[in-house]
Amino acid sequence: MSGDDIYAKPISFDDLLQFKALTPLPAAALAELEKNERLDRAGCYEMEVRTYVIDPIVRILGYDKGTNFSTDLGRPIAFLDKNKFPDYKLNLWQENFWLIEAKRPMPNKPAFGYDEVAQAIEYAIHPTINAALVVLCDGLKIEIFDREVSLTAPILHVERENLRRDFDKLRRLLEPMQVWFFQKRRIVRLLDKVIDKEFNLERLEEFRGLVDRRLATKRARVLENYRLNIKPDDAQRRAALSAAPVEELVNVHLFLEHPIPLTNVLINTLVARCEPNGFHVLHKVFPDLPRDSNDAYMAQALAFLVALSEKQPTSWLPAWLSPGQQSGASTEAGAQRLLKLCLTCFEDDEPRKIVQLAAAAIRRVIKILMLSNETQWRMGEVAHHLARYHGAELSWQQVVSSPEGHLVSLMDVSAMTATHQFVVGCRNERGEFKTEVAKLQLRDMWKIEQALLKANPNYPKLRKERDLGDMRITEASDVTYDNLGHGALCLLHPFPRWTAYALQEHRALIETLASMGSWKARELLGIPREASVTRAGNAELAARFFFGDVATVEALRAGYVGLV
């Protein structure tokens, strides 16, 4: 097998789980490789090859003393009564996995011969090393052997003058995570060699049980390794939110439900961006004409406006939040107005009510399609495989990645995109929202939703079997449950004065939310969790979410029976 053969085979779907993509080398590394190419090797000794050629390459590959990916130089290994001294043992987490042997430049030998290879292989088979990958370098060339595949030819040969051009080939084999995954493939390779000769199915099942039990005993060790090596990415996410441009904060993050600490960062960042003048932020969050939004968007926008009111008593607000005022509007009055709109599903603002209802309906429809369409369902698996291949292995994202999680993210993005398209499609040439056209389209969405549920008569069971772990109450939202009102109450928690205001001025509305299942409304009203509450009837739900269409409520509740 020639050196290039290992790269000629197209990567398969399963390979995405057993290989890692390369990241671009930084400019400094490329400059170091260029310097290495130009280095005059004439008259070099082996120690100089180590210092000036191999050491920089090892560092660029990602190995350094005192890290998880380190090197041992010239450490003795015992053979009977003799000690041998390999030049480089490369280790991952203190375990040796491959080695490098340095040689004086041999300009008259285009390839390494028996003596050089045999010495390196002798070191590789030592039980404290047991390396399949063996590297030799004389400053003029680098050759890599996989001793379990062939010792008649290297799997890779790189010439000094082509170091930059071919360095990615070295990286694919020798970077720490590439070696890590090579070892896993090595186990599978040995498994194939043994099991391909098996002739007893019962023995195969017994061996499967042995492997399963062995892996099960490793769970505690894996969890301990996770504790030592993986840290939650909360700090990075907080930093990213704090540094994000306003457009990203508004057009992406306001649409997504975040853990409370990240929500606080989002809100505080938006408030900070309003200094000294908040017009540019407020106009993006609350434009004069209806924009795309969803429950998370409006609840977090309310929390932002409440927080801003404590910093800037007056600021620009659109007319729909501050009727009759063009400038210098009271941000507290605007927040009071928005609070009522959120607690009533925008009862007094029909265009924005339609947008909210459309966003919820779109997400419900997308979820049905994802769970009921095999191709859509497989998209999560594809996204997961790609994340495994491209993502940094020692990252929180790798730990939490799953096909289901990627489908939830895809559902969020798809719903955001479709809601935006819905709003754009319902504007006239002056940008004004065409309310009756939007209503027609919304009713058509409800009909599509009902048709999809009829096509999947046992959707609740399907949803259980294909559980996405979706934390949002998608099926119930804006059918029997007011997720916007509930979210608005939850995000008032950091503002006790506003929570008291909501109870004093809107107690009846909070009681209505409690009748629709909001645990936060029950908590504010002092209703014990075990106490029963009269649930909202179909007529009340229809008035709130379906413009009085009781038949649609009944049809959706029948399709989502047990979920709403």
Protein backbone atom coordinates (compact mmCIF):
# COMPACT_ATOMS: atom_id res chain seq x y z
CA MET A 1 0.00 0.00 0.00
CA SER A 2 1.49 3.32 -1.02
CA GLY A 3 1.41 6.40 1.13
CA ASP A 4 -1.36 8.07 -0.86
CA ASP A 5 -3.65 5.01 -0.82
CA ILE A 6 -4.82 5.73 2.72
CA TYR A 7 -6.29 9.02 1.50
CA ALA A 8 -7.74 7.78 -1.79
CA LYS A 9 -10.72 5.96 -0.25
CA PRO A 10 -13.80 8.23 0.07
CA ILE A 11 -14.90 8.69 3.66
CA SER A 12 -18.07 6.74 4.47
CA PHE A 13 -20.97 7.70 6.72
CA ASP A 14 -19.73 5.42 9.52
CA ASP A 15 -16.19 6.76 9.08
CA LEU A 16 -17.42 10.13 10.32
CA LEU A 17 -17.59 8.56 13.79
CA GLN A 18 -14.07 7.10 13.59
CA PHE A 19 -12.06 9.90 11.98
CA LYS A 20 -11.53 13.58 12.79
CA ALA A 21 -11.44 16.50 10.37
CA LEU A 22 -8.36 18.70 10.33
CA THR A 23 -8.46 22.35 11.33
CA PRO A 24 -6.38 24.90 9.38
CA LEU A 25 -2.84 25.43 10.59
CA PRO A 26 -2.07 28.88 11.99
CA ALA A 27 0.22 31.17 10.02
CA ALA A 28 3.00 30.79 12.60
CA ALA A 29 3.04 27.02 12.09
CA LEU A 30 3.24 27.39 8.32
CA ALA A 31 6.12 29.84 8.74
CA GLU A 32 7.91 27.33 10.98
CA LEU A 33 7.46 24.60 8.37
CA GLU A 34 8.81 26.88 5.65
CA LYS A 35 11.86 27.56 7.81
CA ASN A 36 12.24 23.82 8.32
CA GLU A 37 12.20 23.24 4.56
CA ARG A 38 14.97 25.78 4.01
CA LEU A 39 17.22 24.51 6.79
CA ASP A 40 20.63 23.34 5.57
CA ARG A 41 21.00 19.68 6.65
CA ALA A 42 24.57 19.27 5.34
CA GLY A 43 26.82 17.84 8.05
CA CYS A 44 24.00 17.62 10.63
CA TYR A 45 24.31 15.14 13.44
CA GLU A 46 21.39 13.13 14.79
CA MET A 47 20.98 15.47 17.78
CA GLU A 48 20.68 18.43 15.42
CA VAL A 49 18.03 16.60 13.38
CA ARG A 50 16.10 16.11 16.62
CA THR A 51 16.46 19.72 17.76
CA TYR A 52 16.00 21.65 14.52
CA VAL A 53 13.81 19.33 12.42
CA ILE A 54 11.79 16.95 14.58
CA ASP A 55 11.13 19.09 17.67
CA PRO A 56 9.32 21.86 15.72
CA ILE A 57 7.27 19.27 13.82
CA VAL A 58 6.25 17.56 17.07
CA ARG A 59 5.11 20.88 18.55
CA ILE A 60 3.13 21.80 15.42
CA LEU A 61 1.45 18.39 15.56
CA GLY A 62 0.21 19.34 19.03
CA TYR A 63 2.57 17.65 21.48
CA ASP A 64 4.31 19.51 24.27
CA LYS A 65 5.76 18.65 27.64
CA GLY A 66 3.45 19.13 30.58
CA THR A 67 0.26 18.69 28.55
CA ASN A 68 -2.11 15.79 27.93
CA PHE A 69 -0.23 15.17 24.68
CA SER A 70 3.40 14.94 25.62
CA THR A 71 6.76 13.42 24.65
CA ASP A 72 9.29 11.29 26.44
CA LEU A 73 12.85 11.72 25.13
CA GLY A 74 15.45 8.99 25.44
CA ARG A 75 13.67 7.16 28.27
CA PRO A 76 15.03 3.61 28.84
CA ILE A 77 13.00 0.50 28.07
CA ALA A 78 14.24 -2.91 29.24
CA PHE A 79 14.89 -5.96 27.07
CA LEU A 80 16.12 -8.78 29.36
CA ASP A 81 19.29 -7.37 30.90
CA LYS A 82 19.70 -4.51 28.44
CA ASN A 83 18.23 -1.03 28.29
CA LYS A 84 17.29 0.60 25.01
CA PHE A 85 16.64 4.30 24.52
CA PRO A 86 13.97 5.30 21.95
CA ASP A 87 14.43 8.86 20.74
CA TYR A 88 10.78 9.96 21.06
CA LYS A 89 7.84 8.23 22.70
CA LEU A 90 4.67 10.20 22.01
CA ASN A 91 1.92 9.79 24.57
CA LEU A 92 -1.68 10.73 25.14
CA TRP A 93 -2.75 11.07 28.78
CA GLN A 94 0.51 9.40 29.93
CA GLU A 95 -0.03 6.37 27.67
CA ASN A 96 2.53 5.70 24.93
CA PHE A 97 0.96 5.34 21.49
CA TRP A 98 3.65 5.93 18.84
CA LEU A 99 7.32 6.75 18.47
CA ILE A 100 9.86 8.58 16.33
CA GLU A 101 13.42 7.49 15.63
CA ALA A 102 15.84 10.18 14.49
CA LYS A 103 18.74 9.48 12.13
CA ARG A 104 21.60 11.45 10.65
CA PRO A 105 20.81 12.77 7.18
CA MET A 106 21.29 10.01 4.61
CA PRO A 107 21.30 11.86 1.27
CA ASN A 108 22.29 8.72 -0.66
CA LYS A 109 19.36 6.64 0.65
CA PRO A 110 15.96 7.65 -0.82
CA ALA A 111 14.22 5.35 1.69
CA PHE A 112 15.08 3.85 5.07
CA GLY A 113 16.58 0.37 5.01
CA TYR A 114 16.26 -2.74 7.09
CA ASP A 115 18.60 -1.69 9.89
CA GLU A 116 16.83 1.61 10.57
CA VAL A 117 13.33 0.12 10.38
CA ALA A 118 14.24 -2.96 12.45
CA GLN A 119 15.60 -0.84 15.29
CA ALA A 120 12.42 1.25 15.42
CA ILE A 121 10.18 -1.82 15.26
CA GLU A 122 12.13 -3.38 18.14
CA TYR A 123 11.21 -0.37 20.26
CA ALA A 124 7.61 -0.35 19.03
CA ILE A 125 6.83 -3.90 20.14
CA HIS A 126 7.95 -3.28 23.71
CA PRO A 127 4.88 -3.83 25.98
CA THR A 128 5.13 -0.35 27.52
CA ILE A 129 4.80 1.15 24.02
CA ASN A 130 3.00 -1.35 21.75
CA ALA A 131 2.91 1.18 18.93
CA ALA A 132 1.52 0.35 15.53
CA LEU A 133 2.66 3.67 14.08
CA VAL A 134 6.43 3.99 13.77
CA VAL A 135 8.05 7.15 12.35
CA LEU A 136 11.59 7.59 11.09
CA CYS A 137 13.16 10.94 10.19
CA ASP A 138 16.64 11.83 9.01
CA GLY A 139 15.94 15.50 8.32
CA LEU A 140 15.63 14.82 4.58
CA LYS A 141 12.63 12.53 4.64
CA ILE A 142 9.94 11.23 6.99
CA GLU A 143 8.50 7.74 6.68
CA ILE A 144 5.60 6.26 8.66
CA PHE A 145 5.11 2.52 8.99
CA ASP A 146 2.04 0.74 10.31
CA ARG A 147 3.74 -2.39 11.56
CA GLU A 148 0.44 -4.27 11.74
CA VAL A 149 -0.20 -3.68 8.04
CA SER A 150 3.14 -3.84 6.22
CA LEU A 151 6.87 -3.63 6.86
CA THR A 152 7.80 -3.77 3.20
CA ALA A 153 6.77 -0.17 2.50
CA PRO A 154 5.78 2.87 4.54
CA ILE A 155 2.18 4.03 4.55
CA LEU A 156 3.47 7.58 4.09
CA HIS A 157 6.68 9.11 2.71
CA VAL A 158 7.27 12.88 2.91
CA GLU A 159 10.28 14.69 1.46
CA ARG A 160 11.80 17.65 3.24
CA GLU A 161 11.10 20.04 0.34
CA ASN A 162 7.41 19.06 0.35
CA LEU A 163 6.90 19.43 4.09
CA ARG A 164 4.31 22.22 3.87
CA ARG A 165 2.50 20.61 0.94
CA ASP A 166 2.26 17.19 2.61
CA PHE A 167 2.03 18.19 6.25
CA ASP A 168 -1.72 17.56 6.40
CA LYS A 169 -0.96 13.93 5.50
CA LEU A 170 1.26 13.73 8.56
CA ARG A 171 -1.40 15.42 10.65
CA ARG A 172 -4.09 12.93 9.58
CA LEU A 173 -2.02 10.18 11.15
CA LEU A 174 -0.07 11.82 13.96
CA GLU A 175 -2.05 14.65 15.55
CA PRO A 176 -3.14 13.59 19.05
CA MET A 177 -6.80 13.04 18.24
CA GLN A 178 -5.95 11.35 14.95
CA VAL A 179 -3.77 8.89 16.89
CA TRP A 180 -6.57 8.42 19.42
CA PHE A 181 -9.03 7.46 16.72
CA PHE A 182 -6.40 5.36 14.94
CA GLN A 183 -6.12 3.27 18.12
CA LYS A 184 -9.89 2.72 18.14
CA ARG A 185 -9.77 1.63 14.49
CA ARG A 186 -6.84 -0.58 15.42
CA ILE A 187 -9.04 -2.39 17.95
CA VAL A 188 -11.72 -2.90 15.30
CA ARG A 189 -9.08 -4.15 12.86
CA LEU A 190 -7.94 -6.79 15.35
CA LEU A 191 -11.56 -7.67 16.08
CA ASP A 192 -12.15 -8.30 12.39
CA LYS A 193 -9.05 -10.47 12.16
CA VAL A 194 -10.23 -12.70 15.01
CA ILE A 195 -13.99 -12.78 14.48
CA ASP A 196 -13.72 -13.34 10.72
CA LYS A 197 -12.46 -16.85 11.62
CA GLU A 198 -15.18 -17.62 14.15
CA PHE A 199 -17.44 -20.59 13.31
CA ASN A 200 -19.80 -20.78 16.31
CA LEU A 201 -22.67 -18.28 16.60
CA GLU A 202 -23.04 -18.99 20.30
CA ARG A 203 -19.37 -18.12 20.79
CA LEU A 204 -20.01 -14.87 18.91
CA GLU A 205 -22.87 -13.98 21.28
CA GLU A 206 -20.78 -14.94 24.31
CA PHE A 207 -17.98 -12.69 23.10
CA ARG A 208 -20.45 -9.84 22.47
CA GLY A 209 -21.62 -10.19 26.07
CA LEU A 210 -18.03 -10.16 27.30
CA VAL A 211 -17.29 -6.97 25.37
CA ASP A 212 -20.52 -5.33 26.55
CA ARG A 213 -19.75 -6.16 30.17
CA ARG A 214 -16.20 -4.92 29.79
CA LEU A 215 -17.38 -1.62 28.36
CA ALA A 216 -20.01 -1.29 31.08
CA THR A 217 -17.28 -1.51 33.73
CA LYS A 218 -15.54 1.45 32.06
CA ARG A 219 -18.44 3.86 32.56
CA ALA A 220 -17.15 5.13 35.92
CA ARG A 221 -13.68 5.62 34.46
CA VAL A 222 -15.06 7.48 31.44
CA LEU A 223 -17.11 9.74 33.70
CA GLU A 224 -14.01 10.49 35.78
CA ASN A 225 -12.04 11.27 32.59
CA TYR A 226 -14.89 13.55 31.54
CA ARG A 227 -14.69 15.37 34.87
CA LEU A 228 -10.96 15.89 34.43
CA ASN A 229 -10.93 16.90 30.78
CA ILE A 230 -14.26 18.48 29.81
CA LYS A 231 -15.64 21.71 31.20
CA PRO A 232 -19.12 23.10 30.44
CA ASP A 233 -18.99 25.86 27.87
CA ASP A 234 -21.02 28.35 29.91
CA ALA A 235 -18.11 30.76 30.16
CA GLN A 236 -17.46 30.66 26.42
CA ARG A 237 -21.15 31.10 25.64
CA ARG A 238 -21.40 34.02 28.04
CA ALA A 239 -18.36 35.60 26.43
CA ALA A 240 -19.77 35.01 22.94
CA LEU A 241 -23.10 36.61 23.88
CA SER A 242 -21.38 39.58 25.45
CA ALA A 243 -19.30 40.17 22.32
CA ALA A 244 -21.99 39.42 19.71
CA PRO A 245 -23.22 42.25 17.46
CA VAL A 246 -26.71 43.61 18.06
CA GLU A 247 -28.00 42.02 14.84
CA GLU A 248 -27.01 38.56 16.08
CA LEU A 249 -28.41 39.15 19.56
CA VAL A 250 -31.77 40.22 18.17
CA ASN A 251 -32.14 38.06 15.05
CA VAL A 252 -30.78 34.84 16.57
CA HIS A 253 -30.49 34.73 20.33
CA LEU A 254 -33.77 36.40 21.25
CA PHE A 255 -35.54 33.59 19.34
CA LEU A 256 -33.86 30.83 21.38
CA GLU A 257 -34.64 29.67 24.88
CA HIS A 258 -31.50 29.83 27.01
CA PRO A 259 -30.64 28.72 30.54
CA ILE A 260 -31.44 31.55 32.93
CA PRO A 261 -27.77 32.62 33.42
CA LEU A 262 -27.37 33.03 29.65
CA THR A 263 -30.70 34.82 29.38
CA ASN A 264 -29.44 37.29 31.97
CA VAL A 265 -26.26 37.83 29.93
CA LEU A 266 -28.33 38.38 26.78
CA ILE A 267 -30.58 40.93 28.47
CA ASN A 268 -27.75 42.75 30.23
CA THR A 269 -25.78 42.92 26.98
CA LEU A 270 -28.71 44.46 25.13
CA VAL A 271 -29.17 46.99 27.93
CA ALA A 272 -25.47 47.85 27.83
CA ARG A 273 -25.66 48.38 24.06
CA CYS A 274 -28.31 51.04 24.68
CA GLU A 275 -25.70 53.38 26.12
CA PRO A 276 -25.77 56.29 25.57
CA ASN A 277 -28.73 56.07 23.19
CA GLY A 278 -30.93 53.03 22.81
CA PHE A 279 -32.67 53.86 19.55
CA HIS A 280 -30.61 51.53 17.33
CA VAL A 281 -31.24 48.56 19.68
CA LEU A 282 -34.88 49.31 20.44
CA HIS A 283 -35.73 49.80 16.79
CA LYS A 284 -34.32 46.37 15.95
CA VAL A 285 -36.11 44.65 18.83
CA PHE A 286 -39.37 46.61 18.51
CA PRO A 287 -39.71 47.96 14.96
CA ASP A 288 -42.74 50.06 14.08
CA LEU A 289 -44.22 47.37 11.84
CA PRO A 290 -44.72 43.71 12.91
CA ARG A 291 -41.61 41.58 12.58
CA ASP A 292 -40.96 37.87 12.88
CA SER A 293 -40.89 36.69 16.49
CA ASN A 294 -41.87 33.78 18.71
CA ASP A 295 -42.65 33.11 22.37
CA ALA A 296 -39.02 33.18 23.45
CA TYR A 297 -38.40 36.38 21.51
CA MET A 298 -41.23 38.35 23.08
CA ALA A 299 -40.67 37.05 26.62
CA GLN A 300 -36.98 37.95 26.50
CA ALA A 301 -37.75 41.26 24.78
CA LEU A 302 -40.06 42.06 27.70
CA ALA A 303 -37.29 41.25 30.20
CA PHE A 304 -34.92 43.49 28.22
CA LEU A 305 -37.38 46.41 28.26
CA VAL A 306 -38.04 45.95 31.98
CA ALA A 307 -34.29 45.96 32.67
CA LEU A 308 -33.80 49.00 30.43
CA SER A 309 -36.54 50.91 32.25
CA GLU A 310 -34.44 50.78 35.41
CA LYS A 311 -31.44 52.27 33.57
CA GLN A 312 -33.13 54.65 31.11
CA PRO A 313 -36.50 55.99 32.31
CA THR A 314 -37.15 57.54 28.88
CA SER A 315 -36.14 56.47 25.40
CA TRP A 316 -37.50 56.06 21.91
CA LEU A 317 -40.29 53.50 21.64
CA PRO A 318 -42.52 52.58 18.69
CA ALA A 319 -46.10 53.86 18.67
CA TRP A 320 -47.55 50.41 19.41
CA LEU A 321 -45.72 50.40 22.76
CA SER A 322 -46.16 54.11 23.45
CA PRO A 323 -49.33 55.37 21.75
CA GLY A 324 -49.24 59.00 20.74
CA GLN A 325 -45.60 59.61 21.66
CA GLN A 326 -42.87 60.10 19.11
CA SER A 327 -39.82 60.59 21.34
CA GLY A 328 -38.84 60.61 24.99
CA ALA A 329 -41.33 57.84 25.78
CA SER A 330 -41.46 56.21 29.21
CA THR A 331 -39.70 52.86 29.03
CA GLU A 332 -41.59 51.74 32.14
CA ALA A 333 -44.94 52.50 30.50
CA GLY A 334 -43.75 50.65 27.40
CA ALA A 335 -42.78 47.64 29.51
CA GLN A 336 -46.18 47.71 31.23
CA ARG A 337 -47.87 47.74 27.83
CA LEU A 338 -45.74 44.85 26.57
CA LEU A 339 -46.35 42.85 29.76
CA LYS A 340 -50.09 42.99 29.21
CA LEU A 341 -49.69 42.00 25.58
CA CYS A 342 -47.58 39.01 26.59
CA LEU A 343 -50.08 37.91 29.24
CA THR A 344 -52.98 38.09 26.77
CA CYS A 345 -51.30 36.56 23.70
CA PHE A 346 -51.37 40.05 22.11
CA GLU A 347 -55.13 40.34 22.45
CA ASP A 348 -55.05 44.08 21.60
CA ASP A 349 -52.52 43.80 18.75
CA GLU A 350 -53.91 41.52 16.06
CA PRO A 351 -51.00 41.66 13.58
CA ARG A 352 -48.45 40.64 16.21
CA LYS A 353 -50.87 38.07 17.63
CA ILE A 354 -51.01 36.45 14.19
CA VAL A 355 -47.21 36.33 14.02
CA GLN A 356 -47.02 34.68 17.46
CA LEU A 357 -49.66 32.10 16.57
CA ALA A 358 -48.01 31.42 13.21
CA ALA A 359 -44.59 30.87 14.84
CA ALA A 360 -46.10 28.30 17.23
CA ALA A 361 -48.06 26.56 14.45
CA ILE A 362 -44.99 26.43 12.21
CA ARG A 363 -42.95 24.77 14.93
CA ARG A 364 -45.70 22.22 15.60
CA VAL A 365 -45.93 21.35 11.90
CA ILE A 366 -42.15 21.08 11.53
CA LYS A 367 -41.98 18.75 14.51
CA ILE A 368 -44.65 16.45 13.07
CA LEU A 369 -42.77 16.35 9.77
CA MET A 370 -39.47 15.59 11.49
CA LEU A 371 -40.90 12.72 13.51
CA SER A 372 -43.06 11.21 10.78
CA ASN A 373 -40.76 11.53 7.75
CA GLU A 374 -37.92 9.02 7.67
CA THR A 375 -35.65 11.28 5.62
CA GLN A 376 -36.19 14.19 8.00
CA TRP A 377 -35.56 11.92 10.98
CA ARG A 378 -32.24 10.77 9.51
CA MET A 379 -31.08 14.37 9.15
CA GLY A 380 -30.39 14.44 12.88
CA GLU A 381 -28.16 11.40 12.55
CA VAL A 382 -26.29 13.01 9.64
CA ALA A 383 -25.80 16.24 11.60
CA HIS A 384 -24.56 14.26 14.60
CA HIS A 385 -22.04 12.32 12.49
CA LEU A 386 -20.76 15.54 10.93
CA ALA A 387 -20.44 17.15 14.37
CA ARG A 388 -18.45 14.15 15.55
CA TYR A 389 -16.14 14.47 12.55
CA HIS A 390 -15.66 18.25 12.50
CA GLY A 391 -16.02 19.22 16.16
CA ALA A 392 -13.18 19.55 18.64
CA GLU A 393 -13.07 16.27 20.56
CA LEU A 394 -12.27 17.84 23.94
CA SER A 395 -15.30 20.13 23.88
CA TRP A 396 -18.61 20.36 25.65
CA GLN A 397 -20.38 20.24 22.26
CA GLN A 398 -18.99 16.75 21.65
CA VAL A 399 -20.23 15.54 25.03
CA VAL A 400 -23.78 16.78 24.51
CA SER A 401 -24.03 16.05 20.78
CA SER A 402 -26.80 13.63 19.79
CA PRO A 403 -28.99 13.05 16.72
CA GLU A 404 -32.01 14.22 18.72
CA GLY A 405 -30.26 17.39 19.90
CA HIS A 406 -29.34 18.30 16.34
CA LEU A 407 -32.95 17.79 15.24
CA VAL A 408 -34.14 20.19 17.96
CA SER A 409 -31.61 22.77 16.73
CA LEU A 410 -32.70 22.16 13.14
CA MET A 411 -36.32 22.56 14.21
CA ASP A 412 -35.49 25.91 15.85
CA VAL A 413 -33.67 27.20 12.77
CA SER A 414 -36.35 25.94 10.37
CA ALA A 415 -39.12 27.52 12.44
CA MET A 416 -37.26 30.84 12.62
CA THR A 417 -36.70 30.84 8.85
CA ALA A 418 -40.29 29.87 8.03
CA THR A 419 -41.70 32.50 10.41
CA HIS A 420 -39.54 35.16 8.76
CA GLN A 421 -40.78 34.07 5.33
CA PHE A 422 -44.37 34.13 6.59
CA VAL A 423 -44.04 37.72 7.80
CA VAL A 424 -42.27 38.88 4.63
CA GLY A 425 -44.93 37.20 2.49
CA CYS A 426 -47.68 39.03 4.36
CA ARG A 427 -46.32 42.54 3.72
CA ASN A 428 -47.39 44.86 0.94
CA GLU A 429 -45.04 46.96 -1.17
CA ARG A 430 -44.90 49.59 1.61
CA GLY A 431 -43.94 46.97 4.20
CA GLU A 432 -47.35 47.09 5.91
CA PHE A 433 -48.68 43.85 7.35
CA LYS A 434 -51.70 42.41 5.51
CA THR A 435 -53.70 41.10 8.45
CA GLU A 436 -56.48 39.29 6.60
CA VAL A 437 -54.07 37.63 4.19
CA ALA A 438 -51.99 36.49 7.17
CA LYS A 439 -55.11 35.06 8.85
CA LEU A 440 -55.93 33.06 5.74
CA GLN A 441 -52.44 31.64 5.62
CA LEU A 442 -52.53 30.87 9.35
CA ARG A 443 -55.82 28.98 8.94
CA ASP A 444 -54.26 27.05 6.07
CA MET A 445 -51.40 26.08 8.41
CA TRP A 446 -53.90 24.73 10.93
CA LYS A 447 -55.53 22.67 8.18
CA ILE A 448 -52.14 21.27 7.18
CA GLU A 449 -51.44 20.45 10.82
CA GLN A 450 -54.75 18.60 11.14
CA ALA A 451 -54.08 16.70 7.90
CA LEU A 452 -50.65 15.64 9.15
CA LEU A 453 -52.14 14.42 12.43
CA LYS A 454 -54.78 12.42 10.52
CA ALA A 455 -52.00 10.90 8.43
CA ASN A 456 -50.29 9.94 11.70
CA PRO A 457 -53.26 8.76 13.78
CA ASN A 458 -51.09 7.69 16.70
CA TYR A 459 -48.77 10.69 16.73
CA PRO A 460 -48.49 10.77 20.57
CA LYS A 461 -47.04 7.24 20.54
CA LEU A 462 -44.72 8.13 17.66
CA ARG A 463 -43.53 11.18 19.60
CA LYS A 464 -42.81 9.00 22.63
CA GLU A 465 -40.87 6.46 20.57
CA ARG A 466 -38.93 9.21 18.81
CA ASP A 467 -38.37 11.38 21.84
CA LEU A 468 -36.28 14.42 20.95
CA GLY A 469 -35.86 15.55 24.52
CA ASP A 470 -37.41 18.84 23.39
CA MET A 471 -37.64 21.05 26.47
CA ARG A 472 -40.28 23.26 24.88
CA ILE A 473 -43.91 22.19 25.12
CA THR A 474 -44.24 22.32 21.35
CA GLU A 475 -47.51 20.44 20.82
CA ALA A 476 -49.37 22.29 23.58
CA SER A 477 -48.00 25.77 22.83
CA ASP A 478 -50.80 28.03 21.60
CA VAL A 479 -53.21 25.10 21.61
CA THR A 480 -53.91 24.55 25.31
CA TYR A 481 -50.88 26.25 26.87
CA ASP A 482 -49.77 29.88 26.74
CA ASN A 483 -46.00 29.52 26.56
CA LEU A 484 -45.52 33.25 25.99
CA GLY A 485 -47.45 34.23 29.11
CA HIS A 486 -45.67 31.61 31.19
CA GLY A 487 -42.26 32.68 29.89
CA ALA A 488 -42.99 36.34 30.57
CA LEU A 489 -43.83 35.58 34.20
CA CYS A 490 -40.69 33.45 34.60
CA LEU A 491 -38.42 36.19 33.28
CA LEU A 492 -39.82 38.75 35.72
CA HIS A 493 -38.15 36.81 38.54
CA PRO A 494 -35.07 39.12 38.79
CA PHE A 495 -37.43 42.12 39.12
CA PRO A 496 -39.52 41.70 42.32
CA ARG A 497 -41.21 45.07 41.82
CA TRP A 498 -42.47 43.96 38.43
CA THR A 499 -43.67 40.60 39.74
CA ALA A 500 -45.68 42.47 42.40
CA TYR A 501 -47.00 44.82 39.71
CA ALA A 502 -48.14 41.88 37.56
CA LEU A 503 -50.00 40.34 40.50
CA GLN A 504 -51.63 43.61 41.46
CA GLU A 505 -52.66 44.77 37.98
CA HIS A 506 -53.15 41.48 36.12
CA ARG A 507 -54.19 38.89 38.67
CA ALA A 508 -57.10 37.69 36.53
CA LEU A 509 -54.77 37.17 33.59
CA ILE A 510 -52.37 35.19 35.76
CA GLU A 511 -55.30 33.06 36.95
CA THR A 512 -56.12 32.36 33.31
CA LEU A 513 -52.53 31.27 32.69
CA ALA A 514 -52.77 28.96 35.72
CA SER A 515 -55.87 27.39 34.16
CA MET A 516 -53.77 26.69 31.06
CA GLY A 517 -51.11 24.83 33.01
CA SER A 518 -48.51 27.49 33.86
CA TRP A 519 -46.64 26.35 36.96
CA LYS A 520 -45.20 29.85 37.35
CA ALA A 521 -48.70 31.35 37.46
CA ARG A 522 -49.71 28.81 40.13
CA GLU A 523 -46.59 29.64 42.11
CA LEU A 524 -47.29 33.39 42.02
CA LEU A 525 -50.90 32.79 43.05
CA GLY A 526 -49.83 30.56 45.93
CA ILE A 527 -51.65 27.52 44.55
CA PRO A 528 -50.06 24.28 45.84
CA ARG A 529 -48.73 21.98 43.15
CA GLU A 530 -50.98 19.14 44.26
CA ALA A 531 -54.10 21.33 44.19
CA SER A 532 -56.41 20.93 41.20
CA VAL A 533 -57.25 23.92 38.99
CA THR A 534 -60.18 24.13 36.62
CA ARG A 535 -58.66 23.86 33.17
CA ALA A 536 -59.55 26.25 30.37
CA GLY A 537 -62.28 24.95 28.09
CA ASN A 538 -62.22 24.69 24.32
CA ALA A 539 -64.18 27.90 23.83
CA GLU A 540 -61.71 29.89 25.94
CA LEU A 541 -58.75 28.28 24.14
CA ALA A 542 -60.32 28.99 20.77
CA ALA A 543 -60.85 32.65 21.67
CA ARG A 544 -57.24 33.00 22.76
CA PHE A 545 -55.39 30.99 20.10
CA PHE A 546 -57.71 30.34 17.13
CA PHE A 547 -59.88 33.45 16.61
CA GLY A 548 -62.86 31.61 18.07
CA ASP A 549 -62.54 28.48 15.90
CA VAL A 550 -63.60 25.79 18.37
CA ALA A 551 -63.55 23.04 15.72
CA THR A 552 -59.83 23.57 15.16
CA VAL A 553 -59.12 23.36 18.89
CA GLU A 554 -61.09 20.12 19.13
CA ALA A 555 -59.35 18.61 16.09
CA LEU A 556 -55.87 19.45 17.34
CA ARG A 557 -56.60 18.27 20.87
CA ALA A 558 -57.82 14.98 19.41
CA GLY A 559 -54.66 14.61 17.34
CA TYR A 560 -52.41 15.52 20.26
CA VAL A 561 -54.41 13.55 22.84
CA GLY A 562 -52.30 12.95 25.91
CA LEU A 563 -49.85 15.71 24.94
CA VAL A 564 -52.08 18.79 25.41
